[in-house]
Amino acid sequence: MQRKIIIHKSLYRPTLFVGCERLPFTFTVTVGGVVMMAYQNLWVSIGVFIYYLIAIMLIRRVNEDDPQFFLCLTRYVVHYADYYPANEFYPGKPDIPYSFYK
């Protein structure tokens, strides 16, 4: 009979801040803070509070399924052209236009 080995979630799940990754949470708080400082108004403060609630709920929902979603998305956006250049000769061959007559 095989023995069951329990692997706790704390060993493989990353640490989240308020249920969100740090980068999108920090970006959300920074944008809201800049808007509140630029337009010091009661209605803007209420709007930013609603923005905080909606943004954090959406980020938490995404991070429940995939806790490293934004980390992977950032890595994909930054390095996409390095791995998938628009070149049929990649890797190793130079990008030389084809000419029938040499």
C-alpha atoms as a PDB file:
ATOM      1  CA  MET A   1       0.000   0.000   0.000  1.00  0.00           C
ATOM      2  CA  GLN A   2       1.369   3.397  -0.968  1.00  0.00           C
ATOM      3  CA  ARG A   3       1.877   6.006   1.652  1.00  0.00           C
ATOM      4  CA  LYS A   4       0.267   9.435   1.231  1.00  0.00           C
ATOM      5  CA  ILE A   5       2.594  12.387   1.543  1.00  0.00           C
ATOM      6  CA  ILE A   6       0.839  15.625   2.330  1.00  0.00           C
ATOM      7  CA  ILE A   7       2.352  18.714   0.747  1.00  0.00           C
ATOM      8  CA  HIS A   8       1.067  21.862   2.377  1.00  0.00           C
ATOM      9  CA  LYS A   9       0.092  24.860   0.252  1.00  0.00           C
ATOM     10  CA  SER A  10       2.523  27.022   2.188  1.00  0.00           C
ATOM     11  CA  LEU A  11       5.379  25.150   0.524  1.00  0.00           C
ATOM     12  CA  TYR A  12       4.449  25.863  -3.093  1.00  0.00           C
ATOM     13  CA  ARG A  13       2.105  28.868  -3.089  1.00  0.00           C
ATOM     14  CA  PRO A  14       3.763  32.304  -3.204  1.00  0.00           C
ATOM     15  CA  THR A  15       3.142  34.831  -0.490  1.00  0.00           C
ATOM     16  CA  LEU A  16       0.444  37.309  -1.526  1.00  0.00           C
ATOM     17  CA  PHE A  17      -0.290  40.730  -0.062  1.00  0.00           C
ATOM     18  CA  VAL A  18      -4.031  41.223   0.641  1.00  0.00           C
ATOM     19  CA  GLY A  19      -4.583  38.253  -1.689  1.00  0.00           C
ATOM     20  CA  CYS A  20      -2.850  40.092  -4.559  1.00  0.00           C
ATOM     21  CA  GLU A  21       0.589  40.064  -6.060  1.00  0.00           C
ATOM     22  CA  ARG A  22       2.710  43.009  -5.005  1.00  0.00           C
ATOM     23  CA  LEU A  23       3.195  44.642  -8.411  1.00  0.00           C
ATOM     24  CA  PRO A  24      -0.482  45.084  -9.427  1.00  0.00           C
ATOM     25  CA  PHE A  25      -1.461  45.992  -5.871  1.00  0.00           C
ATOM     26  CA  THR A  26       1.258  48.643  -5.666  1.00  0.00           C
ATOM     27  CA  PHE A  27       0.314  49.990  -9.100  1.00  0.00           C
ATOM     28  CA  THR A  28      -3.363  50.215  -8.098  1.00  0.00           C
ATOM     29  CA  VAL A  29      -2.608  52.016  -4.837  1.00  0.00           C
ATOM     30  CA  THR A  30      -0.149  54.392  -6.531  1.00  0.00           C
ATOM     31  CA  VAL A  31      -2.564  55.391  -9.293  1.00  0.00           C
ATOM     32  CA  GLY A  32      -5.358  55.953  -6.779  1.00  0.00           C
ATOM     33  CA  GLY A  33      -3.071  57.987  -4.508  1.00  0.00           C
ATOM     34  CA  VAL A  34      -1.870  60.190  -7.375  1.00  0.00           C
ATOM     35  CA  VAL A  35      -5.447  60.877  -8.472  1.00  0.00           C
ATOM     36  CA  MET A  36      -6.480  61.714  -4.903  1.00  0.00           C
ATOM     37  CA  MET A  37      -3.533  64.084  -4.456  1.00  0.00           C
ATOM     38  CA  ALA A  38      -4.115  65.772  -7.820  1.00  0.00           C
ATOM     39  CA  TYR A  39      -7.855  66.349  -7.349  1.00  0.00           C
ATOM     40  CA  GLN A  40      -8.505  66.886  -3.670  1.00  0.00           C
ATOM     41  CA  ASN A  41     -12.248  66.541  -3.723  1.00  0.00           C
ATOM     42  CA  LEU A  42     -14.834  64.466  -1.851  1.00  0.00           C
ATOM     43  CA  TRP A  43     -16.277  62.956  -5.050  1.00  0.00           C
ATOM     44  CA  VAL A  44     -12.845  61.998  -6.321  1.00  0.00           C
ATOM     45  CA  SER A  45     -12.051  60.366  -2.985  1.00  0.00           C
ATOM     46  CA  ILE A  46     -15.264  58.335  -3.198  1.00  0.00           C
ATOM     47  CA  GLY A  47     -14.448  57.366  -6.803  1.00  0.00           C
ATOM     48  CA  VAL A  48     -10.931  56.294  -5.854  1.00  0.00           C
ATOM     49  CA  PHE A  49     -12.315  54.231  -2.961  1.00  0.00           C
ATOM     50  CA  ILE A  50     -14.686  52.461  -5.376  1.00  0.00           C
ATOM     51  CA  TYR A  51     -11.751  52.004  -7.791  1.00  0.00           C
ATOM     52  CA  TYR A  52      -9.734  50.401  -4.974  1.00  0.00           C
ATOM     53  CA  LEU A  53     -12.528  47.981  -4.140  1.00  0.00           C
ATOM     54  CA  ILE A  54     -13.155  46.919  -7.740  1.00  0.00           C
ATOM     55  CA  ALA A  55      -9.465  46.664  -8.695  1.00  0.00           C
ATOM     56  CA  ILE A  56      -8.477  44.650  -5.635  1.00  0.00           C
ATOM     57  CA  MET A  57     -11.456  42.309  -6.083  1.00  0.00           C
ATOM     58  CA  LEU A  58     -10.457  41.670  -9.712  1.00  0.00           C
ATOM     59  CA  ILE A  59      -6.778  41.150  -8.878  1.00  0.00           C
ATOM     60  CA  ARG A  60      -7.695  38.761  -6.059  1.00  0.00           C
ATOM     61  CA  ARG A  61      -9.990  36.789  -8.355  1.00  0.00           C
ATOM     62  CA  VAL A  62      -7.210  36.373 -10.913  1.00  0.00           C
ATOM     63  CA  ASN A  63      -4.690  35.411  -8.236  1.00  0.00           C
ATOM     64  CA  GLU A  64      -6.972  32.753  -6.734  1.00  0.00           C
ATOM     65  CA  ASP A  65      -6.622  30.666  -9.896  1.00  0.00           C
ATOM     66  CA  ASP A  66      -3.013  31.524 -10.748  1.00  0.00           C
ATOM     67  CA  PRO A  67      -1.006  33.211  -7.983  1.00  0.00           C
ATOM     68  CA  GLN A  68       1.785  34.185 -10.398  1.00  0.00           C
ATOM     69  CA  PHE A  69      -0.361  35.462 -13.265  1.00  0.00           C
ATOM     70  CA  PHE A  70       0.943  39.033 -13.329  1.00  0.00           C
ATOM     71  CA  LEU A  71       4.544  37.893 -12.903  1.00  0.00           C
ATOM     72  CA  CYS A  72       4.180  35.631 -15.956  1.00  0.00           C
ATOM     73  CA  LEU A  73       2.342  38.343 -17.900  1.00  0.00           C
ATOM     74  CA  THR A  74       5.078  40.884 -17.176  1.00  0.00           C
ATOM     75  CA  ARG A  75       7.786  38.432 -18.192  1.00  0.00           C
ATOM     76  CA  TYR A  76       5.895  37.622 -21.410  1.00  0.00           C
ATOM     77  CA  VAL A  77       5.437  41.285 -22.390  1.00  0.00           C
ATOM     78  CA  VAL A  78       9.050  42.248 -21.657  1.00  0.00           C
ATOM     79  CA  HIS A  79      10.759  39.289 -23.323  1.00  0.00           C
ATOM     80  CA  TYR A  80       8.326  38.306 -26.106  1.00  0.00           C
ATOM     81  CA  ALA A  81      10.371  39.758 -28.992  1.00  0.00           C
ATOM     82  CA  ASP A  82      13.567  38.099 -27.719  1.00  0.00           C
ATOM     83  CA  TYR A  83      12.109  34.612 -27.994  1.00  0.00           C
ATOM     84  CA  TYR A  84       9.744  35.032 -30.934  1.00  0.00           C
ATOM     85  CA  PRO A  85      11.192  37.529 -33.375  1.00  0.00           C
ATOM     86  CA  ALA A  86       9.408  38.112 -36.661  1.00  0.00           C
ATOM     87  CA  ASN A  87      12.091  36.258 -38.605  1.00  0.00           C
ATOM     88  CA  GLU A  88      11.805  32.915 -40.327  1.00  0.00           C
ATOM     89  CA  PHE A  89      15.568  32.267 -40.116  1.00  0.00           C
ATOM     90  CA  TYR A  90      15.780  32.494 -36.332  1.00  0.00           C
ATOM     91  CA  PRO A  91      17.994  31.211 -34.629  1.00  0.00           C
ATOM     92  CA  GLY A  92      21.432  31.180 -36.141  1.00  0.00           C
ATOM     93  CA  LYS A  93      20.845  32.373 -39.667  1.00  0.00           C
ATOM     94  CA  PRO A  94      21.091  36.073 -40.498  1.00  0.00           C
ATOM     95  CA  ASP A  95      18.098  37.925 -41.832  1.00  0.00           C
ATOM     96  CA  ILE A  96      19.115  38.253 -45.469  1.00  0.00           C
ATOM     97  CA  PRO A  97      16.376  39.043 -47.969  1.00  0.00           C
ATOM     98  CA  TYR A  98      15.923  36.386 -50.603  1.00  0.00           C
ATOM     99  CA  SER A  99      16.935  37.304 -54.124  1.00  0.00           C
ATOM    100  CA  PHE A 100      16.569  35.017 -57.086  1.00  0.00           C
ATOM    101  CA  TYR A 101      19.470  36.601 -58.973  1.00  0.00           C
ATOM    102  CA  LYS A 102      22.720  36.789 -57.069  1.00  0.00           C
END
